[in-house]
Amino acid sequence: MTEATDLAAAAGSTDPREGLRAVAALGRLLESLESLQVHHARAKGWSWQEIADELGVSKQAVHKKHAGRAQGASVPVSGREL
């Protein structure tokens, strides 16, 4: 299984400590992936509105969240980097 799959399984744990840690790690992974894909979209010339439409948020929200972020976002490879 992949790490994301392992985290998803752990998020359903009956042990609250394990489940909450997994939920937090998945949230960090999701943020990293979103940043990476927004960076890719902008590099390909997408407008903030196009990105917002795909994410289901307002143009203002996506711009505020991502416009100031550093270029070259990366996705962590291991859970320890999450």
C-alpha atoms as a PDB file:
ATOM      1  CA  MET A   1       0.000   0.000   0.000  1.00  0.00           C
ATOM      2  CA  THR A   2       1.094   3.549  -0.573  1.00  0.00           C
ATOM      3  CA  GLU A   3       1.704   5.948   2.253  1.00  0.00           C
ATOM      4  CA  ALA A   4      -1.436   7.943   1.430  1.00  0.00           C
ATOM      5  CA  THR A   5      -3.452   4.727   1.512  1.00  0.00           C
ATOM      6  CA  ASP A   6      -1.889   3.809   4.846  1.00  0.00           C
ATOM      7  CA  LEU A   7      -2.754   7.246   6.234  1.00  0.00           C
ATOM      8  CA  ALA A   8      -6.326   6.981   4.960  1.00  0.00           C
ATOM      9  CA  ALA A   9      -6.694   3.605   6.665  1.00  0.00           C
ATOM     10  CA  ALA A  10      -5.189   4.949   9.901  1.00  0.00           C
ATOM     11  CA  ALA A  11      -7.616   7.900   9.812  1.00  0.00           C
ATOM     12  CA  GLY A  12     -10.421   5.396  10.367  1.00  0.00           C
ATOM     13  CA  SER A  13      -8.738   3.876  13.411  1.00  0.00           C
ATOM     14  CA  THR A  14     -10.699   3.356  16.598  1.00  0.00           C
ATOM     15  CA  ASP A  15      -7.655   4.750  18.459  1.00  0.00           C
ATOM     16  CA  PRO A  16      -8.290   8.511  18.517  1.00  0.00           C
ATOM     17  CA  ARG A  17      -4.585   9.340  18.803  1.00  0.00           C
ATOM     18  CA  GLU A  18      -3.721   7.314  15.704  1.00  0.00           C
ATOM     19  CA  GLY A  19      -6.760   8.559  13.797  1.00  0.00           C
ATOM     20  CA  LEU A  20      -6.181  12.227  14.579  1.00  0.00           C
ATOM     21  CA  ARG A  21      -2.496  12.032  13.698  1.00  0.00           C
ATOM     22  CA  ALA A  22      -3.388  10.432  10.372  1.00  0.00           C
ATOM     23  CA  VAL A  23      -6.032  13.084   9.661  1.00  0.00           C
ATOM     24  CA  ALA A  24      -3.486  15.830  10.380  1.00  0.00           C
ATOM     25  CA  ALA A  25      -0.893  14.184   8.102  1.00  0.00           C
ATOM     26  CA  LEU A  26      -3.462  13.794   5.315  1.00  0.00           C
ATOM     27  CA  GLY A  27      -4.347  17.473   5.656  1.00  0.00           C
ATOM     28  CA  ARG A  28      -0.697  18.454   5.254  1.00  0.00           C
ATOM     29  CA  LEU A  29      -0.354  16.151   2.254  1.00  0.00           C
ATOM     30  CA  LEU A  30      -3.467  17.637   0.663  1.00  0.00           C
ATOM     31  CA  GLU A  31      -2.137  21.185   1.124  1.00  0.00           C
ATOM     32  CA  SER A  32       1.167  20.199  -0.490  1.00  0.00           C
ATOM     33  CA  LEU A  33      -0.574  18.573  -3.432  1.00  0.00           C
ATOM     34  CA  GLU A  34      -2.870  21.554  -3.930  1.00  0.00           C
ATOM     35  CA  SER A  35       0.075  23.947  -3.925  1.00  0.00           C
ATOM     36  CA  LEU A  36       1.939  21.787  -6.413  1.00  0.00           C
ATOM     37  CA  GLN A  37      -1.021  21.608  -8.804  1.00  0.00           C
ATOM     38  CA  VAL A  38      -1.740  25.333  -8.540  1.00  0.00           C
ATOM     39  CA  HIS A  39       1.912  25.972  -9.377  1.00  0.00           C
ATOM     40  CA  HIS A  40       1.646  23.639 -12.390  1.00  0.00           C
ATOM     41  CA  ALA A  41      -1.537  25.332 -13.575  1.00  0.00           C
ATOM     42  CA  ARG A  42      -0.031  28.815 -13.267  1.00  0.00           C
ATOM     43  CA  ALA A  43       3.114  27.669 -15.090  1.00  0.00           C
ATOM     44  CA  LYS A  44       0.878  26.493 -17.951  1.00  0.00           C
ATOM     45  CA  GLY A  45      -0.825  29.885 -18.118  1.00  0.00           C
ATOM     46  CA  TRP A  46      -4.037  29.117 -16.256  1.00  0.00           C
ATOM     47  CA  SER A  47      -5.868  32.086 -14.795  1.00  0.00           C
ATOM     48  CA  TRP A  48      -6.733  32.309 -11.126  1.00  0.00           C
ATOM     49  CA  GLN A  49     -10.393  31.949 -12.162  1.00  0.00           C
ATOM     50  CA  GLU A  50      -9.736  28.674 -14.005  1.00  0.00           C
ATOM     51  CA  ILE A  51      -7.906  27.271 -10.998  1.00  0.00           C
ATOM     52  CA  ALA A  52     -10.643  28.448  -8.632  1.00  0.00           C
ATOM     53  CA  ASP A  53     -13.305  26.822 -10.790  1.00  0.00           C
ATOM     54  CA  GLU A  54     -11.533  23.458 -10.629  1.00  0.00           C
ATOM     55  CA  LEU A  55     -11.035  23.703  -6.855  1.00  0.00           C
ATOM     56  CA  GLY A  56     -14.601  24.850  -6.247  1.00  0.00           C
ATOM     57  CA  VAL A  57     -13.599  28.059  -4.500  1.00  0.00           C
ATOM     58  CA  SER A  58     -13.635  31.753  -5.346  1.00  0.00           C
ATOM     59  CA  LYS A  59     -10.912  33.355  -7.424  1.00  0.00           C
ATOM     60  CA  GLN A  60     -10.126  35.624  -4.476  1.00  0.00           C
ATOM     61  CA  ALA A  61      -9.720  32.668  -2.114  1.00  0.00           C
ATOM     62  CA  VAL A  62      -7.311  30.762  -4.350  1.00  0.00           C
ATOM     63  CA  HIS A  63      -5.326  33.895  -5.162  1.00  0.00           C
ATOM     64  CA  LYS A  64      -5.024  34.887  -1.500  1.00  0.00           C
ATOM     65  CA  LYS A  65      -3.923  31.382  -0.531  1.00  0.00           C
ATOM     66  CA  HIS A  66      -1.447  30.720  -3.336  1.00  0.00           C
ATOM     67  CA  ALA A  67      -0.264  33.973  -4.938  1.00  0.00           C
ATOM     68  CA  GLY A  68       2.432  34.616  -2.352  1.00  0.00           C
ATOM     69  CA  ARG A  69       3.706  31.072  -2.067  1.00  0.00           C
ATOM     70  CA  ALA A  70       7.186  30.189  -3.255  1.00  0.00           C
ATOM     71  CA  GLN A  71       7.648  28.762  -6.718  1.00  0.00           C
ATOM     72  CA  GLY A  72       8.578  25.113  -7.089  1.00  0.00           C
ATOM     73  CA  ALA A  73       6.299  23.590  -4.478  1.00  0.00           C
ATOM     74  CA  SER A  74       7.144  20.010  -3.713  1.00  0.00           C
ATOM     75  CA  VAL A  75       5.272  17.074  -2.288  1.00  0.00           C
ATOM     76  CA  PRO A  76       6.799  15.316   0.719  1.00  0.00           C
ATOM     77  CA  VAL A  77       7.818  11.733   0.025  1.00  0.00           C
ATOM     78  CA  SER A  78       7.624  10.266   3.501  1.00  0.00           C
ATOM     79  CA  GLY A  79       5.220  10.708   6.382  1.00  0.00           C
ATOM     80  CA  ARG A  80       8.040  12.071   8.500  1.00  0.00           C
ATOM     81  CA  GLU A  81       8.304  15.054   6.188  1.00  0.00           C
ATOM     82  CA  LEU A  82       4.581  15.719   6.550  1.00  0.00           C
END
